[in-house]
């Protein structure tokens, strides 16, 4: 029971960290790209837009890969954000579902906590993600 409580608390802390920083950081995608690239570079792909020689290269899309699920958040042409989760079986996407941004944050936080529970390297990456 103690382990379940610790795990639930861990997921809540990660999600709260994302939400708090989301409100403070003017741009959610830039914040997430920075955090995820630093903490889980092997699981994260960030696509940036902008002109070829432009100084500013804003984040257009982030994909975070876990074993059976890939989570993607995209900046649409009108500036709004859309999020989706893709269910994979043997490396093939079987189902793609659009989800609200808050649900995306919660599910990514749960996946990060599960990853950290199975690997010391992932636990270190998670600490970087939450603490900075």
N, C-alpha and C. Protein backbone atom coordinates (compact mmCIF):
# COMPACT_ATOMS: atom_id res chain seq x y z
N UNK A 1 0.83 -1.19 0.00
CA UNK A 1 0.00 0.00 0.00
C UNK A 1 0.87 1.25 0.00
N UNK A 2 1.96 1.23 0.78
CA UNK A 2 2.88 2.36 0.84
C UNK A 2 3.45 2.66 -0.54
N UNK A 3 3.81 1.63 -1.29
CA UNK A 3 4.39 1.80 -2.61
C UNK A 3 3.39 2.47 -3.56
N UNK A 4 2.12 2.08 -3.49
CA UNK A 4 1.09 2.69 -4.33
C UNK A 4 0.91 4.16 -3.99
N UNK A 5 0.96 4.48 -2.70
CA UNK A 5 0.84 5.87 -2.27
C UNK A 5 2.03 6.69 -2.77
N UNK A 6 3.24 6.14 -2.66
CA UNK A 6 4.43 6.83 -3.15
C UNK A 6 4.34 7.08 -4.65
N UNK A 7 3.87 6.09 -5.40
CA UNK A 7 3.76 6.20 -6.84
C UNK A 7 2.71 7.24 -7.23
N UNK A 8 1.56 7.23 -6.55
CA UNK A 8 0.51 8.20 -6.83
C UNK A 8 1.01 9.61 -6.53
N UNK A 9 1.72 9.75 -5.43
CA UNK A 9 2.28 11.05 -5.06
C UNK A 9 3.30 11.51 -6.10
N UNK A 10 4.12 10.60 -6.56
CA UNK A 10 5.13 10.92 -7.57
C UNK A 10 4.47 11.44 -8.85
N UNK A 11 3.44 10.76 -9.32
CA UNK A 11 2.72 11.18 -10.53
C UNK A 11 2.10 12.55 -10.31
N UNK A 12 1.49 12.77 -9.15
CA UNK A 12 0.87 14.06 -8.85
C UNK A 12 1.90 15.18 -8.83
N UNK A 13 3.08 14.91 -8.28
CA UNK A 13 4.14 15.92 -8.22
C UNK A 13 4.61 16.29 -9.62
N UNK A 14 4.80 15.28 -10.47
CA UNK A 14 5.23 15.54 -11.84
C UNK A 14 4.19 16.36 -12.58
N UNK A 15 2.92 15.95 -12.49
CA UNK A 15 1.85 16.68 -13.18
C UNK A 15 1.70 18.09 -12.65
N UNK A 16 1.79 18.26 -11.34
CA UNK A 16 1.69 19.60 -10.75
C UNK A 16 2.84 20.48 -11.20
N UNK A 17 4.03 19.88 -11.29
CA UNK A 17 5.19 20.62 -11.77
C UNK A 17 4.97 21.10 -13.19
N UNK A 18 4.45 20.24 -14.03
CA UNK A 18 4.16 20.63 -15.42
C UNK A 18 3.13 21.75 -15.47
N UNK A 19 2.07 21.61 -14.70
CA UNK A 19 1.01 22.62 -14.74
C UNK A 19 1.49 23.96 -14.18
N UNK A 20 2.22 23.94 -13.07
CA UNK A 20 2.71 25.17 -12.46
C UNK A 20 3.63 25.90 -13.43
N UNK A 21 4.58 25.17 -13.98
CA UNK A 21 5.51 25.78 -14.90
C UNK A 21 4.83 26.19 -16.19
N UNK A 22 3.80 25.47 -16.58
CA UNK A 22 3.05 25.81 -17.79
C UNK A 22 2.44 27.20 -17.64
N UNK A 23 1.89 27.48 -16.48
CA UNK A 23 1.27 28.79 -16.26
C UNK A 23 2.32 29.89 -16.19
N UNK A 24 3.49 29.58 -15.63
CA UNK A 24 4.53 30.58 -15.48
C UNK A 24 5.32 30.79 -16.76
N UNK A 25 5.51 29.70 -17.53
CA UNK A 25 6.36 29.77 -18.71
C UNK A 25 5.52 30.30 -19.86
N UNK A 26 5.40 31.28 -20.39
CA UNK A 26 4.47 31.73 -21.39
C UNK A 26 4.14 30.73 -22.46
N UNK A 27 5.05 29.86 -22.84
CA UNK A 27 4.79 28.93 -23.93
C UNK A 27 5.03 27.49 -23.47
N UNK A 28 3.96 26.73 -23.43
CA UNK A 28 4.02 25.35 -22.96
C UNK A 28 4.96 24.50 -23.80
N UNK A 29 4.91 24.63 -25.11
CA UNK A 29 5.74 23.79 -25.96
C UNK A 29 7.23 24.05 -25.76
N UNK A 30 7.61 25.30 -25.63
CA UNK A 30 9.03 25.60 -25.39
C UNK A 30 9.49 25.01 -24.07
N UNK A 31 8.65 25.14 -23.04
CA UNK A 31 8.98 24.60 -21.73
C UNK A 31 9.13 23.08 -21.78
N UNK A 32 8.13 22.41 -22.37
CA UNK A 32 8.17 20.95 -22.45
C UNK A 32 9.35 20.46 -23.28
N UNK A 33 9.62 21.14 -24.39
CA UNK A 33 10.75 20.74 -25.24
C UNK A 33 12.05 20.81 -24.45
N UNK A 34 12.24 21.89 -23.73
CA UNK A 34 13.47 22.06 -22.95
C UNK A 34 13.59 20.96 -21.88
N UNK A 35 12.53 20.75 -21.12
CA UNK A 35 12.56 19.76 -20.03
C UNK A 35 12.75 18.34 -20.57
N UNK A 36 11.98 17.98 -21.59
CA UNK A 36 12.03 16.61 -22.10
C UNK A 36 13.33 16.32 -22.84
N UNK A 37 13.85 17.29 -23.60
CA UNK A 37 15.13 17.08 -24.28
C UNK A 37 16.27 16.90 -23.30
N UNK A 38 16.23 17.64 -22.19
CA UNK A 38 17.29 17.53 -21.19
C UNK A 38 17.18 16.22 -20.41
N UNK A 39 15.97 15.84 -20.02
CA UNK A 39 15.82 14.69 -19.14
C UNK A 39 15.70 13.36 -19.88
N UNK A 40 15.04 13.32 -21.04
CA UNK A 40 14.85 12.07 -21.78
C UNK A 40 15.14 12.25 -23.27
N UNK A 41 16.37 12.57 -23.64
CA UNK A 41 16.65 12.84 -25.05
C UNK A 41 16.40 11.64 -25.96
N UNK A 42 16.60 10.42 -25.46
CA UNK A 42 16.41 9.23 -26.29
C UNK A 42 14.93 8.93 -26.53
N UNK A 43 14.02 9.47 -25.72
CA UNK A 43 12.59 9.22 -25.87
C UNK A 43 11.85 10.39 -26.50
N UNK A 44 12.54 11.49 -26.77
CA UNK A 44 11.87 12.72 -27.17
C UNK A 44 12.35 13.20 -28.54
N UNK A 45 11.39 13.59 -29.37
CA UNK A 45 11.69 14.22 -30.65
C UNK A 45 11.00 15.57 -30.68
N UNK A 46 11.78 16.62 -30.94
CA UNK A 46 11.24 17.98 -31.01
C UNK A 46 11.42 18.50 -32.43
N UNK A 47 10.33 18.98 -33.02
CA UNK A 47 10.37 19.56 -34.36
C UNK A 47 10.17 21.06 -34.21
N UNK A 48 11.10 21.82 -34.79
CA UNK A 48 11.02 23.29 -34.71
C UNK A 48 10.70 23.85 -36.08
N UNK A 49 10.01 25.00 -36.07
CA UNK A 49 9.63 25.67 -37.32
C UNK A 49 10.47 26.90 -37.53
N UNK A 50 9.93 27.83 -38.28
CA UNK A 50 10.65 29.07 -38.56
C UNK A 50 11.34 29.01 -39.91
N UNK A 51 11.84 30.14 -40.33
CA UNK A 51 12.54 30.22 -41.60
C UNK A 51 13.92 29.62 -41.49
N UNK A 52 14.50 29.29 -42.61
CA UNK A 52 15.79 28.61 -42.69
C UNK A 52 16.88 29.37 -41.93
N UNK A 53 17.01 30.68 -42.16
CA UNK A 53 18.05 31.47 -41.51
C UNK A 53 17.54 32.30 -40.34
N UNK A 54 16.33 32.05 -39.92
CA UNK A 54 15.73 32.81 -38.84
C UNK A 54 16.39 32.50 -37.50
N UNK A 55 16.52 33.53 -36.66
CA UNK A 55 17.05 33.32 -35.30
C UNK A 55 16.06 32.53 -34.46
N UNK A 56 14.79 32.84 -34.60
CA UNK A 56 13.76 32.17 -33.81
C UNK A 56 13.29 30.91 -34.51
N UNK A 57 13.33 29.82 -33.78
CA UNK A 57 12.87 28.53 -34.29
C UNK A 57 11.90 27.95 -33.27
N UNK A 58 10.64 28.41 -33.29
CA UNK A 58 9.68 27.96 -32.29
C UNK A 58 9.35 26.47 -32.43
N UNK A 59 9.04 25.87 -31.32
CA UNK A 59 8.68 24.45 -31.30
C UNK A 59 7.32 24.29 -31.98
N UNK A 60 7.26 23.35 -32.91
CA UNK A 60 6.02 23.06 -33.61
C UNK A 60 5.38 21.76 -33.12
N UNK A 61 6.22 20.82 -32.71
CA UNK A 61 5.71 19.49 -32.34
C UNK A 61 6.68 18.79 -31.40
N UNK A 62 6.13 18.09 -30.43
CA UNK A 62 6.91 17.26 -29.51
C UNK A 62 6.29 15.87 -29.51
N UNK A 63 7.14 14.86 -29.66
CA UNK A 63 6.69 13.47 -29.54
C UNK A 63 7.52 12.80 -28.46
N UNK A 64 6.84 12.21 -27.49
CA UNK A 64 7.50 11.48 -26.41
C UNK A 64 7.13 10.01 -26.59
N UNK A 65 8.15 9.16 -26.70
CA UNK A 65 7.95 7.74 -26.98
C UNK A 65 8.18 6.89 -25.73
N UNK A 66 7.18 6.07 -25.45
CA UNK A 66 7.29 5.05 -24.41
C UNK A 66 7.02 3.71 -25.11
N UNK A 67 7.14 2.61 -24.42
CA UNK A 67 7.05 1.30 -25.06
C UNK A 67 5.80 1.13 -25.94
N UNK A 68 4.64 1.23 -25.34
CA UNK A 68 3.39 0.95 -26.06
C UNK A 68 2.63 2.19 -26.49
N UNK A 69 3.08 3.36 -26.07
CA UNK A 69 2.37 4.60 -26.38
C UNK A 69 3.34 5.69 -26.80
N UNK A 70 2.91 6.48 -27.75
CA UNK A 70 3.63 7.70 -28.13
C UNK A 70 2.67 8.85 -27.88
N UNK A 71 3.19 9.91 -27.26
CA UNK A 71 2.38 11.09 -26.96
C UNK A 71 2.90 12.24 -27.80
N UNK A 72 1.97 12.94 -28.45
CA UNK A 72 2.37 14.02 -29.35
C UNK A 72 1.55 15.27 -29.04
N UNK A 73 2.23 16.40 -29.03
CA UNK A 73 1.55 17.68 -28.85
C UNK A 73 2.05 18.59 -29.97
N UNK A 74 1.10 19.28 -30.63
CA UNK A 74 1.39 20.02 -31.85
C UNK A 74 0.82 21.43 -31.76
N UNK A 75 1.60 22.39 -32.27
CA UNK A 75 1.09 23.75 -32.41
C UNK A 75 0.44 23.83 -33.80
N UNK A 76 -0.85 24.10 -33.82
CA UNK A 76 -1.59 24.20 -35.09
C UNK A 76 -1.27 25.53 -35.76
N UNK A 77 -1.68 25.68 -37.01
CA UNK A 77 -1.41 26.92 -37.76
C UNK A 77 -1.99 28.15 -37.09
N UNK A 78 -3.13 27.99 -36.43
CA UNK A 78 -3.77 29.14 -35.77
C UNK A 78 -3.17 29.44 -34.40
N UNK A 79 -2.16 28.66 -33.99
CA UNK A 79 -1.48 28.91 -32.71
C UNK A 79 -2.00 28.07 -31.57
N UNK A 80 -3.14 27.41 -31.74
CA UNK A 80 -3.67 26.58 -30.66
C UNK A 80 -2.87 25.28 -30.58
N UNK A 81 -3.01 24.59 -29.47
CA UNK A 81 -2.30 23.33 -29.27
C UNK A 81 -3.27 22.17 -29.37
N UNK A 82 -2.81 21.08 -29.94
CA UNK A 82 -3.60 19.85 -29.96
C UNK A 82 -2.70 18.72 -29.47
N UNK A 83 -3.31 17.76 -28.80
CA UNK A 83 -2.56 16.65 -28.24
C UNK A 83 -3.21 15.34 -28.66
N UNK A 84 -2.37 14.32 -28.80
CA UNK A 84 -2.91 13.00 -29.12
C UNK A 84 -2.00 11.93 -28.55
N UNK A 85 -2.58 10.76 -28.39
CA UNK A 85 -1.85 9.58 -27.92
C UNK A 85 -2.02 8.50 -28.98
N UNK A 86 -0.92 7.81 -29.25
CA UNK A 86 -0.92 6.74 -30.25
C UNK A 86 -0.59 5.42 -29.57
N UNK A 87 -1.45 4.43 -29.75
CA UNK A 87 -1.26 3.09 -29.19
C UNK A 87 -0.49 2.27 -30.22
N UNK A 88 0.63 1.68 -29.79
CA UNK A 88 1.45 0.87 -30.68
C UNK A 88 1.43 -0.59 -30.26
N UNK A 89 1.47 -1.46 -31.25
CA UNK A 89 1.65 -2.88 -31.01
C UNK A 89 2.72 -3.34 -31.98
N UNK A 90 3.82 -3.87 -31.45
CA UNK A 90 4.96 -4.32 -32.25
C UNK A 90 5.46 -3.22 -33.19
N UNK A 91 5.46 -1.98 -32.71
CA UNK A 91 6.00 -0.87 -33.48
C UNK A 91 5.06 -0.26 -34.50
N UNK A 92 3.83 -0.75 -34.59
CA UNK A 92 2.86 -0.24 -35.55
C UNK A 92 1.76 0.50 -34.80
N UNK A 93 1.45 1.73 -35.25
CA UNK A 93 0.40 2.52 -34.62
C UNK A 93 -0.95 1.92 -35.00
N UNK A 94 -1.70 1.45 -34.00
CA UNK A 94 -3.01 0.87 -34.24
C UNK A 94 -4.13 1.87 -34.03
N UNK A 95 -3.91 2.81 -33.12
CA UNK A 95 -4.99 3.74 -32.79
C UNK A 95 -4.39 5.09 -32.38
N UNK A 96 -4.97 6.16 -32.90
CA UNK A 96 -4.58 7.51 -32.53
C UNK A 96 -5.81 8.21 -31.97
N UNK A 97 -5.67 8.80 -30.77
CA UNK A 97 -6.79 9.44 -30.10
C UNK A 97 -6.42 10.86 -29.72
N UNK A 98 -7.26 11.82 -30.10
CA UNK A 98 -7.07 13.21 -29.67
C UNK A 98 -7.51 13.31 -28.20
N UNK A 99 -6.69 14.00 -27.40
CA UNK A 99 -7.00 14.15 -25.98
C UNK A 99 -6.77 15.60 -25.57
N UNK A 100 -7.41 16.04 -24.47
CA UNK A 100 -7.16 17.40 -23.96
C UNK A 100 -5.72 17.54 -23.45
N UNK A 101 -5.20 18.76 -23.45
CA UNK A 101 -3.82 19.03 -23.01
C UNK A 101 -3.60 18.55 -21.58
N UNK A 102 -4.54 18.82 -20.68
CA UNK A 102 -4.38 18.40 -19.29
C UNK A 102 -4.29 16.87 -19.16
N UNK A 103 -5.06 16.16 -19.95
CA UNK A 103 -4.99 14.70 -19.94
C UNK A 103 -3.64 14.24 -20.48
N UNK A 104 -3.13 14.93 -21.51
CA UNK A 104 -1.82 14.61 -22.07
C UNK A 104 -0.75 14.74 -20.98
N UNK A 105 -0.81 15.84 -20.23
CA UNK A 105 0.14 16.07 -19.14
C UNK A 105 0.05 14.95 -18.11
N UNK A 106 -1.17 14.59 -17.70
CA UNK A 106 -1.35 13.53 -16.70
C UNK A 106 -0.80 12.19 -17.19
N UNK A 107 -1.10 11.85 -18.44
CA UNK A 107 -0.66 10.55 -18.97
C UNK A 107 0.85 10.50 -19.15
N UNK A 108 1.45 11.59 -19.63
CA UNK A 108 2.92 11.62 -19.76
C UNK A 108 3.56 11.52 -18.37
N UNK A 109 2.99 12.19 -17.38
CA UNK A 109 3.51 12.11 -16.01
C UNK A 109 3.44 10.68 -15.50
N UNK A 110 2.34 9.98 -15.77
CA UNK A 110 2.22 8.58 -15.34
C UNK A 110 3.26 7.70 -16.04
N UNK A 111 3.44 7.92 -17.33
CA UNK A 111 4.43 7.13 -18.07
C UNK A 111 5.84 7.40 -17.56
N UNK A 112 6.14 8.65 -17.25
CA UNK A 112 7.46 9.00 -16.70
C UNK A 112 7.69 8.31 -15.36
N UNK A 113 6.67 8.29 -14.52
CA UNK A 113 6.78 7.64 -13.22
C UNK A 113 6.99 6.13 -13.38
N UNK A 114 6.28 5.51 -14.33
CA UNK A 114 6.45 4.08 -14.57
C UNK A 114 7.85 3.78 -15.09
N UNK A 115 8.33 4.62 -15.98
CA UNK A 115 9.68 4.45 -16.52
C UNK A 115 10.72 4.56 -15.41
N UNK A 116 10.53 5.53 -14.53
CA UNK A 116 11.47 5.74 -13.44
C UNK A 116 11.46 4.58 -12.44
N UNK A 117 10.32 3.94 -12.29
CA UNK A 117 10.22 2.82 -11.35
C UNK A 117 11.03 1.61 -11.83
N UNK A 118 11.31 1.54 -13.13
CA UNK A 118 11.99 0.37 -13.69
C UNK A 118 13.47 0.60 -13.99
N UNK A 119 13.94 1.85 -13.86
CA UNK A 119 15.30 2.13 -14.30
C UNK A 119 15.94 3.24 -13.47
N UNK A 120 17.15 3.00 -13.00
CA UNK A 120 17.88 4.01 -12.24
C UNK A 120 18.21 5.21 -13.12
N UNK A 121 18.54 4.96 -14.39
CA UNK A 121 18.84 6.05 -15.32
C UNK A 121 17.60 6.90 -15.55
N UNK A 122 16.44 6.26 -15.68
CA UNK A 122 15.20 7.00 -15.86
C UNK A 122 14.85 7.77 -14.59
N UNK A 123 15.14 7.21 -13.43
CA UNK A 123 14.87 7.90 -12.17
C UNK A 123 15.70 9.18 -12.11
N UNK A 124 16.96 9.12 -12.52
CA UNK A 124 17.82 10.30 -12.55
C UNK A 124 17.27 11.33 -13.53
N UNK A 125 16.80 10.88 -14.69
CA UNK A 125 16.22 11.78 -15.68
C UNK A 125 14.96 12.43 -15.14
N UNK A 126 14.16 11.67 -14.41
CA UNK A 126 12.93 12.21 -13.83
C UNK A 126 13.26 13.27 -12.79
N UNK A 127 14.28 13.03 -11.99
CA UNK A 127 14.71 14.04 -11.02
C UNK A 127 15.10 15.33 -11.72
N UNK A 128 15.83 15.21 -12.84
CA UNK A 128 16.19 16.39 -13.63
C UNK A 128 14.96 17.10 -14.13
N UNK A 129 13.97 16.31 -14.54
CA UNK A 129 12.75 16.87 -15.09
C UNK A 129 11.99 17.68 -14.03
N UNK A 130 11.85 17.12 -12.85
CA UNK A 130 11.07 17.79 -11.80
C UNK A 130 11.84 18.92 -11.15
N UNK A 131 13.10 18.68 -10.82
CA UNK A 131 13.90 19.66 -10.09
C UNK A 131 14.53 20.68 -11.01
N UNK A 132 14.92 20.24 -12.18
CA UNK A 132 15.52 21.17 -13.14
C UNK A 132 16.99 20.97 -13.31
